[in-house]
N, C-alpha and C. Protein backbone atom coordinates (compact mmCIF):
# COMPACT_ATOMS: atom_id res chain seq x y z
N UNK A 1 173.67 13.07 -123.07
CA UNK A 1 172.50 13.21 -123.89
C UNK A 1 171.24 12.89 -123.09
N UNK A 2 171.38 12.03 -122.11
CA UNK A 2 170.26 11.62 -121.29
C UNK A 2 169.65 12.81 -120.55
N UNK A 3 170.43 13.74 -120.08
CA UNK A 3 169.94 14.91 -119.38
C UNK A 3 169.13 15.82 -120.28
N UNK A 4 169.53 15.91 -121.54
CA UNK A 4 168.81 16.73 -122.52
C UNK A 4 167.43 16.14 -122.79
N UNK A 5 167.34 14.82 -122.88
CA UNK A 5 166.05 14.16 -123.11
C UNK A 5 165.12 14.37 -121.90
N UNK A 6 165.66 14.27 -120.71
CA UNK A 6 164.85 14.47 -119.50
C UNK A 6 164.35 15.91 -119.45
N UNK A 7 165.21 16.84 -119.84
CA UNK A 7 164.83 18.24 -119.87
C UNK A 7 163.73 18.48 -120.91
N UNK A 8 163.85 17.84 -122.07
CA UNK A 8 162.85 17.96 -123.12
C UNK A 8 161.51 17.39 -122.66
N UNK A 9 161.54 16.23 -122.00
CA UNK A 9 160.32 15.60 -121.49
C UNK A 9 159.67 16.49 -120.43
N UNK A 10 160.46 17.04 -119.53
CA UNK A 10 159.94 17.93 -118.49
C UNK A 10 159.32 19.17 -119.12
N UNK A 11 159.96 19.70 -120.14
CA UNK A 11 159.46 20.89 -120.82
C UNK A 11 158.12 20.61 -121.51
N UNK A 12 158.05 19.47 -122.17
CA UNK A 12 156.82 19.09 -122.87
C UNK A 12 155.70 18.85 -121.85
N UNK A 13 156.01 18.19 -120.75
CA UNK A 13 155.02 17.91 -119.70
C UNK A 13 154.53 19.22 -119.08
N UNK A 14 155.43 20.16 -118.84
CA UNK A 14 155.03 21.45 -118.27
C UNK A 14 154.12 22.21 -119.22
N UNK A 15 154.45 22.15 -120.51
CA UNK A 15 153.62 22.81 -121.51
C UNK A 15 152.22 22.20 -121.54
N UNK A 16 152.16 20.89 -121.47
CA UNK A 16 150.88 20.19 -121.48
C UNK A 16 150.07 20.53 -120.23
N UNK A 17 150.72 20.56 -119.09
CA UNK A 17 150.04 20.90 -117.83
C UNK A 17 149.53 22.32 -117.86
N UNK A 18 150.29 23.23 -118.44
CA UNK A 18 149.87 24.62 -118.55
C UNK A 18 148.61 24.78 -119.38
N UNK A 19 148.51 23.99 -120.45
CA UNK A 19 147.32 24.04 -121.30
C UNK A 19 146.08 23.62 -120.51
N UNK A 20 146.21 22.57 -119.73
CA UNK A 20 145.09 22.05 -118.94
C UNK A 20 144.71 23.06 -117.86
N UNK A 21 145.69 23.57 -117.13
CA UNK A 21 145.44 24.47 -116.01
C UNK A 21 144.89 25.81 -116.47
N UNK A 22 145.38 26.32 -117.61
CA UNK A 22 144.96 27.64 -118.10
C UNK A 22 143.48 27.73 -118.38
N UNK A 23 142.91 26.70 -118.98
CA UNK A 23 141.48 26.72 -119.32
C UNK A 23 140.61 26.78 -118.08
N UNK A 24 140.92 25.98 -117.10
CA UNK A 24 140.10 25.94 -115.88
C UNK A 24 140.23 27.24 -115.09
N UNK A 25 141.42 27.83 -115.07
CA UNK A 25 141.62 29.08 -114.34
C UNK A 25 140.88 30.24 -115.01
N UNK A 26 140.93 30.29 -116.32
CA UNK A 26 140.23 31.37 -117.02
C UNK A 26 138.73 31.25 -116.78
N UNK A 27 138.19 30.05 -116.86
CA UNK A 27 136.76 29.85 -116.61
C UNK A 27 136.38 30.28 -115.20
N UNK A 28 137.24 29.94 -114.24
CA UNK A 28 136.97 30.30 -112.84
C UNK A 28 137.01 31.82 -112.66
N UNK A 29 137.98 32.48 -113.27
CA UNK A 29 138.08 33.94 -113.17
C UNK A 29 136.86 34.62 -113.79
N UNK A 30 136.43 34.14 -114.95
CA UNK A 30 135.26 34.72 -115.60
C UNK A 30 134.01 34.50 -114.76
N UNK A 31 133.90 33.32 -114.14
CA UNK A 31 132.75 33.04 -113.30
C UNK A 31 132.74 33.97 -112.09
N UNK A 32 133.88 34.19 -111.46
CA UNK A 32 133.95 35.07 -110.30
C UNK A 32 133.56 36.50 -110.66
N UNK A 33 134.00 36.97 -111.83
CA UNK A 33 133.64 38.31 -112.28
C UNK A 33 132.13 38.40 -112.53
N UNK A 34 131.58 37.39 -113.16
CA UNK A 34 130.14 37.38 -113.43
C UNK A 34 129.34 37.35 -112.11
N UNK A 35 129.79 36.58 -111.14
CA UNK A 35 129.12 36.52 -109.83
C UNK A 35 129.18 37.89 -109.14
N UNK A 36 130.31 38.56 -109.26
CA UNK A 36 130.46 39.89 -108.67
C UNK A 36 129.48 40.87 -109.32
N UNK A 37 129.41 40.84 -110.65
CA UNK A 37 128.49 41.72 -111.37
C UNK A 37 127.04 41.41 -111.00
N UNK A 38 126.71 40.13 -110.85
CA UNK A 38 125.35 39.74 -110.44
C UNK A 38 125.05 40.29 -109.05
N UNK A 39 126.02 40.21 -108.17
CA UNK A 39 125.85 40.73 -106.81
C UNK A 39 125.60 42.24 -106.84
N UNK A 40 126.33 42.95 -107.67
CA UNK A 40 126.12 44.40 -107.80
C UNK A 40 124.71 44.72 -108.30
N UNK A 41 124.23 43.95 -109.26
CA UNK A 41 122.89 44.19 -109.80
C UNK A 41 121.81 43.88 -108.77
N UNK A 42 122.00 42.84 -107.97
CA UNK A 42 121.02 42.54 -106.92
C UNK A 42 121.00 43.67 -105.90
N UNK A 43 122.18 44.20 -105.56
CA UNK A 43 122.26 45.34 -104.64
C UNK A 43 121.57 46.56 -105.25
N UNK A 44 121.79 46.79 -106.54
CA UNK A 44 121.16 47.92 -107.22
C UNK A 44 119.63 47.78 -107.15
N UNK A 45 119.11 46.57 -107.33
CA UNK A 45 117.66 46.34 -107.26
C UNK A 45 117.14 46.70 -105.87
N UNK A 46 117.87 46.29 -104.83
CA UNK A 46 117.44 46.62 -103.46
C UNK A 46 117.46 48.13 -103.23
N UNK A 47 118.47 48.82 -103.76
CA UNK A 47 118.55 50.27 -103.61
C UNK A 47 117.41 50.97 -104.34
N UNK A 48 117.07 50.48 -105.52
CA UNK A 48 115.96 51.06 -106.29
C UNK A 48 114.66 50.88 -105.52
N UNK A 49 114.45 49.71 -104.96
CA UNK A 49 113.23 49.46 -104.18
C UNK A 49 113.15 50.38 -102.97
N UNK A 50 114.26 50.55 -102.29
CA UNK A 50 114.29 51.43 -101.12
C UNK A 50 114.01 52.88 -101.52
N UNK A 51 114.66 53.33 -102.58
CA UNK A 51 114.45 54.70 -103.05
C UNK A 51 113.00 54.90 -103.50
N UNK A 52 112.42 53.88 -104.12
CA UNK A 52 111.02 53.98 -104.57
C UNK A 52 110.08 54.11 -103.39
N UNK A 53 110.30 53.28 -102.36
CA UNK A 53 109.45 53.39 -101.17
C UNK A 53 109.56 54.79 -100.56
N UNK A 54 110.77 55.33 -100.52
CA UNK A 54 110.97 56.67 -99.97
C UNK A 54 110.24 57.72 -100.81
N UNK A 55 110.36 57.63 -102.15
CA UNK A 55 109.67 58.58 -103.03
C UNK A 55 108.16 58.50 -102.85
N UNK A 56 107.65 57.27 -102.73
CA UNK A 56 106.20 57.11 -102.54
C UNK A 56 105.75 57.72 -101.21
N UNK A 57 106.53 57.51 -100.17
CA UNK A 57 106.20 58.08 -98.86
C UNK A 57 106.20 59.61 -98.93
N UNK A 58 107.24 60.16 -99.54
CA UNK A 58 107.34 61.63 -99.65
C UNK A 58 106.18 62.19 -100.47
N UNK A 59 105.83 61.50 -101.55
CA UNK A 59 104.73 61.96 -102.40
C UNK A 59 103.41 61.87 -101.65
N UNK A 60 103.21 60.82 -100.88
CA UNK A 60 101.98 60.67 -100.10
C UNK A 60 101.87 61.77 -99.04
N UNK A 61 102.98 62.10 -98.40
CA UNK A 61 102.98 63.18 -97.41
C UNK A 61 102.67 64.53 -98.06
N UNK A 62 103.28 64.77 -99.21
CA UNK A 62 103.02 66.03 -99.93
C UNK A 62 101.56 66.09 -100.38
N UNK A 63 101.03 64.95 -100.81
CA UNK A 63 99.63 64.89 -101.22
C UNK A 63 98.69 65.17 -100.06
N UNK A 64 99.01 64.63 -98.90
CA UNK A 64 98.17 64.87 -97.71
C UNK A 64 98.18 66.36 -97.35
N UNK A 65 99.36 66.99 -97.45
CA UNK A 65 99.44 68.43 -97.17
C UNK A 65 98.62 69.22 -98.19
N UNK A 66 98.70 68.80 -99.44
CA UNK A 66 97.96 69.47 -100.50
C UNK A 66 96.44 69.35 -100.28
N UNK A 67 95.98 68.17 -99.89
CA UNK A 67 94.56 67.98 -99.62
C UNK A 67 94.10 68.79 -98.41
N UNK A 68 94.94 68.84 -97.38
CA UNK A 68 94.61 69.65 -96.19
C UNK A 68 94.48 71.12 -96.55
N UNK A 69 95.41 71.59 -97.38
CA UNK A 69 95.37 72.99 -97.81
C UNK A 69 94.11 73.25 -98.64
N UNK A 70 93.74 72.27 -99.44
CA UNK A 70 92.55 72.40 -100.27
C UNK A 70 91.29 72.50 -99.39
N UNK A 71 91.23 71.64 -98.37
CA UNK A 71 90.09 71.66 -97.44
C UNK A 71 90.05 72.97 -96.66
N UNK A 72 91.21 73.40 -96.21
CA UNK A 72 91.27 74.65 -95.44
C UNK A 72 90.85 75.83 -96.31
N UNK A 73 91.27 75.84 -97.55
CA UNK A 73 90.90 76.92 -98.46
C UNK A 73 89.40 76.95 -98.72
N UNK A 74 88.84 75.75 -98.91
CA UNK A 74 87.39 75.67 -99.15
C UNK A 74 86.63 76.12 -97.91
N UNK A 75 87.10 75.70 -96.73
CA UNK A 75 86.45 76.09 -95.47
C UNK A 75 86.54 77.59 -95.24
N UNK A 76 87.69 78.17 -95.57
CA UNK A 76 87.89 79.61 -95.38
C UNK A 76 87.00 80.42 -96.31
N UNK A 77 86.65 79.83 -97.44
CA UNK A 77 85.81 80.55 -98.40
C UNK A 77 84.34 80.53 -97.99
N UNK A 78 84.03 79.73 -96.99
CA UNK A 78 82.65 79.65 -96.53
C UNK A 78 81.86 78.54 -97.19
N UNK A 79 82.52 77.77 -98.09
CA UNK A 79 81.82 76.68 -98.77
C UNK A 79 81.63 75.52 -97.79
N UNK A 80 80.59 74.76 -98.00
CA UNK A 80 80.36 73.56 -97.20
C UNK A 80 81.26 72.47 -97.78
N UNK A 81 82.22 72.02 -97.00
CA UNK A 81 83.26 71.11 -97.52
C UNK A 81 82.84 69.66 -97.53
N UNK A 82 81.60 69.36 -97.12
CA UNK A 82 81.18 67.96 -97.06
C UNK A 82 80.19 67.60 -98.16
N UNK A 83 79.93 68.55 -99.11
CA UNK A 83 79.02 68.21 -100.20
C UNK A 83 79.35 69.02 -101.45
N UNK A 84 78.79 68.55 -102.54
CA UNK A 84 78.84 69.20 -103.84
C UNK A 84 80.27 69.39 -104.38
N UNK A 85 80.53 70.54 -104.96
CA UNK A 85 81.78 70.79 -105.68
C UNK A 85 83.04 70.57 -104.84
N UNK A 86 83.12 71.03 -103.60
CA UNK A 86 84.35 70.79 -102.83
C UNK A 86 84.65 69.30 -102.64
N UNK A 87 83.62 68.50 -102.43
CA UNK A 87 83.83 67.06 -102.24
C UNK A 87 84.31 66.43 -103.54
N UNK A 88 83.71 66.83 -104.64
CA UNK A 88 84.11 66.29 -105.96
C UNK A 88 85.55 66.69 -106.29
N UNK A 89 85.87 67.94 -106.06
CA UNK A 89 87.23 68.43 -106.33
C UNK A 89 88.25 67.68 -105.47
N UNK A 90 87.89 67.49 -104.22
CA UNK A 90 88.81 66.78 -103.32
C UNK A 90 88.97 65.32 -103.76
N UNK A 91 87.89 64.68 -104.15
CA UNK A 91 87.96 63.28 -104.59
C UNK A 91 88.81 63.16 -105.85
N UNK A 92 88.64 64.10 -106.78
CA UNK A 92 89.46 64.08 -108.00
C UNK A 92 90.95 64.25 -107.66
N UNK A 93 91.23 65.16 -106.75
CA UNK A 93 92.62 65.40 -106.36
C UNK A 93 93.21 64.17 -105.67
N UNK A 94 92.43 63.53 -104.80
CA UNK A 94 92.90 62.30 -104.14
C UNK A 94 93.22 61.23 -105.17
N UNK A 95 92.34 61.10 -106.16
CA UNK A 95 92.57 60.09 -107.21
C UNK A 95 93.85 60.40 -107.99
N UNK A 96 94.06 61.66 -108.33
CA UNK A 96 95.28 62.06 -109.06
C UNK A 96 96.54 61.76 -108.24
N UNK A 97 96.47 62.09 -106.96
CA UNK A 97 97.62 61.83 -106.08
C UNK A 97 97.90 60.33 -105.97
N UNK A 98 96.85 59.53 -105.88
CA UNK A 98 97.02 58.08 -105.79
C UNK A 98 97.61 57.52 -107.08
N UNK A 99 97.14 58.02 -108.22
CA UNK A 99 97.70 57.58 -109.51
C UNK A 99 99.19 57.94 -109.61
N UNK A 100 99.54 59.11 -109.15
CA UNK A 100 100.94 59.53 -109.16
C UNK A 100 101.78 58.58 -108.29
N UNK A 101 101.25 58.22 -107.12
CA UNK A 101 101.96 57.32 -106.21
C UNK A 101 102.12 55.94 -106.84
N UNK A 102 101.07 55.46 -107.50
CA UNK A 102 101.13 54.16 -108.18
C UNK A 102 102.17 54.21 -109.30
N UNK A 103 102.21 55.33 -110.03
CA UNK A 103 103.20 55.49 -111.12
C UNK A 103 104.63 55.44 -110.59
N UNK A 104 104.86 56.07 -109.46
CA UNK A 104 106.20 56.03 -108.85
C UNK A 104 106.55 54.58 -108.50
N UNK A 105 105.60 53.86 -107.92
CA UNK A 105 105.85 52.47 -107.55
C UNK A 105 106.09 51.60 -108.77
N UNK A 106 105.32 51.82 -109.82
CA UNK A 106 105.48 51.03 -111.05
C UNK A 106 106.85 51.26 -111.67
N UNK A 107 107.26 52.50 -111.74
CA UNK A 107 108.58 52.82 -112.31
C UNK A 107 109.69 52.13 -111.51
N UNK A 108 109.59 52.18 -110.19
CA UNK A 108 110.59 51.52 -109.35
C UNK A 108 110.58 50.02 -109.53
N UNK A 109 109.39 49.45 -109.65
CA UNK A 109 109.26 48.01 -109.85
C UNK A 109 109.91 47.58 -111.16
N UNK A 110 109.70 48.36 -112.21
CA UNK A 110 110.29 48.04 -113.52
C UNK A 110 111.81 48.12 -113.44
N UNK A 111 112.33 49.20 -112.86
CA UNK A 111 113.79 49.36 -112.77
C UNK A 111 114.42 48.27 -111.91
N UNK A 112 113.80 47.92 -110.80
CA UNK A 112 114.33 46.84 -109.95
C UNK A 112 114.28 45.51 -110.70
N UNK A 113 113.21 45.29 -111.44
CA UNK A 113 113.10 44.06 -112.24
C UNK A 113 114.18 43.98 -113.30
N UNK A 114 114.49 45.10 -113.91
CA UNK A 114 115.56 45.12 -114.91
C UNK A 114 116.90 44.78 -114.27
N UNK A 115 117.15 45.32 -113.09
CA UNK A 115 118.41 45.02 -112.39
C UNK A 115 118.48 43.54 -112.03
N UNK A 116 117.36 42.98 -111.58
CA UNK A 116 117.34 41.54 -111.25
C UNK A 116 117.54 40.69 -112.50
N UNK A 117 117.00 41.12 -113.63
CA UNK A 117 117.20 40.39 -114.88
C UNK A 117 118.68 40.42 -115.28
N UNK A 118 119.31 41.58 -115.11
CA UNK A 118 120.74 41.66 -115.41
C UNK A 118 121.54 40.75 -114.47
N UNK A 119 121.12 40.69 -113.20
CA UNK A 119 121.80 39.80 -112.25
C UNK A 119 121.68 38.35 -112.69
N UNK A 120 120.49 37.96 -113.13
CA UNK A 120 120.28 36.58 -113.59
C UNK A 120 121.12 36.30 -114.84
N UNK A 121 121.24 37.30 -115.72
CA UNK A 121 122.05 37.13 -116.92
C UNK A 121 123.53 36.94 -116.55
N UNK A 122 124.01 37.75 -115.62
CA UNK A 122 125.41 37.60 -115.18
C UNK A 122 125.64 36.23 -114.56
N UNK A 123 124.68 35.78 -113.76
CA UNK A 123 124.81 34.47 -113.11
C UNK A 123 124.89 33.38 -114.17
N UNK A 124 124.05 33.47 -115.19
CA UNK A 124 124.07 32.48 -116.28
C UNK A 124 125.39 32.54 -117.03
N UNK A 125 125.89 33.75 -117.26
CA UNK A 125 127.19 33.90 -117.94
C UNK A 125 128.30 33.26 -117.11
N UNK A 126 128.21 33.39 -115.80
CA UNK A 126 129.21 32.77 -114.92
C UNK A 126 129.19 31.26 -115.03
N UNK A 127 127.99 30.69 -115.07
CA UNK A 127 127.89 29.24 -115.22
C UNK A 127 128.45 28.79 -116.56
N UNK A 128 128.17 29.57 -117.61
CA UNK A 128 128.71 29.23 -118.93
C UNK A 128 130.24 29.34 -118.94
N UNK A 129 130.76 30.36 -118.29
CA UNK A 129 132.22 30.52 -118.23
C UNK A 129 132.87 29.34 -117.51
N UNK A 130 132.25 28.91 -116.43
CA UNK A 130 132.77 27.75 -115.70
C UNK A 130 132.75 26.51 -116.59
N UNK A 131 131.63 26.33 -117.29
CA UNK A 131 131.49 25.17 -118.18
C UNK A 131 132.52 25.25 -119.30
N UNK A 132 132.72 26.45 -119.85
CA UNK A 132 133.71 26.64 -120.92
C UNK A 132 135.10 26.29 -120.40
N UNK A 133 135.40 26.69 -119.17
CA UNK A 133 136.70 26.37 -118.58
C UNK A 133 136.89 24.87 -118.42
N UNK A 134 135.83 24.20 -118.00
CA UNK A 134 135.92 22.73 -117.86
C UNK A 134 136.12 22.10 -119.23
N UNK A 135 135.39 22.59 -120.23
CA UNK A 135 135.55 22.05 -121.59
C UNK A 135 136.96 22.31 -122.12
N UNK A 136 137.49 23.49 -121.83
CA UNK A 136 138.87 23.80 -122.25
C UNK A 136 139.86 22.89 -121.53
N UNK A 137 139.57 22.60 -120.27
CA UNK A 137 140.44 21.69 -119.53
C UNK A 137 140.42 20.30 -120.17
N UNK A 138 139.23 19.84 -120.50
CA UNK A 138 139.11 18.51 -121.13
C UNK A 138 139.82 18.52 -122.48
N UNK A 139 139.58 19.59 -123.25
CA UNK A 139 140.29 19.72 -124.53
C UNK A 139 141.79 19.83 -124.32
N UNK A 140 142.19 20.46 -123.24
CA UNK A 140 143.61 20.60 -122.93
C UNK A 140 144.27 19.26 -122.65
N UNK A 141 143.50 18.33 -122.05
CA UNK A 141 144.06 16.99 -121.83
C UNK A 141 144.39 16.33 -123.16
N UNK A 142 143.47 16.47 -124.12
CA UNK A 142 143.73 15.90 -125.45
C UNK A 142 144.90 16.57 -126.12
N UNK A 143 144.94 17.88 -126.04
CA UNK A 143 146.04 18.63 -126.64
C UNK A 143 147.35 18.32 -125.93
N UNK A 144 147.26 18.20 -124.60
CA UNK A 144 148.46 17.87 -123.83
C UNK A 144 148.97 16.49 -124.20
N UNK A 145 148.05 15.56 -124.38
CA UNK A 145 148.46 14.22 -124.79
C UNK A 145 149.15 14.25 -126.14
N UNK A 146 148.60 15.04 -127.06
CA UNK A 146 149.24 15.18 -128.37
C UNK A 146 150.61 15.82 -128.25
N UNK A 147 150.72 16.83 -127.41
CA UNK A 147 152.00 17.50 -127.21
C UNK A 147 153.02 16.53 -126.62
N UNK A 148 152.57 15.75 -125.65
CA UNK A 148 153.47 14.76 -125.04
C UNK A 148 153.93 13.74 -126.05
N UNK A 149 152.99 13.23 -126.84
CA UNK A 149 153.34 12.22 -127.84
C UNK A 149 154.28 12.78 -128.90
N UNK A 150 154.01 14.00 -129.34
CA UNK A 150 154.91 14.61 -130.35
C UNK A 150 156.27 14.90 -129.72
N UNK A 151 156.28 15.22 -128.43
CA UNK A 151 157.55 15.48 -127.76
C UNK A 151 158.36 14.22 -127.63
N UNK A 152 157.70 13.09 -127.44
CA UNK A 152 158.41 11.82 -127.29
C UNK A 152 158.91 11.30 -128.64
N UNK A 153 158.29 11.70 -129.72
CA UNK A 153 158.69 11.23 -131.04
C UNK A 153 160.07 11.74 -131.40
N UNK A 154 160.44 12.89 -130.92
CA UNK A 154 161.70 13.53 -131.31
C UNK A 154 162.86 12.77 -130.86
């Protein structure tokens, strides 16, 4: 009969240990997943910023070509390109092109900021998951103690 009691005690102890270990492991796994997701969002923010800089550069180059064509067209028409209507038209076009470039930058800034916010949210979720795992571990000690005590009563 002594072997059966030892087996019962070992079984109860293993069950109690499993309760404690399970909580901490789940919290750790959730934290690792959240950290991975945060890392992806930070990478996405960097990619958005890079793509935005590229779009702005391409738009600025296209705008410069457009202004050159405008000047060449005005010059070919015989107009004086340094005063009156051609200068005003060119200034308006430059302003429009600059506004377009600023809009591209603003859109990229907003999207990158959103990705960084998601990264911060994932990071916070990871910390909460870790804390939850620790709390479950602490609760598991109490539950394990109860399981051990009830196992010894039999």
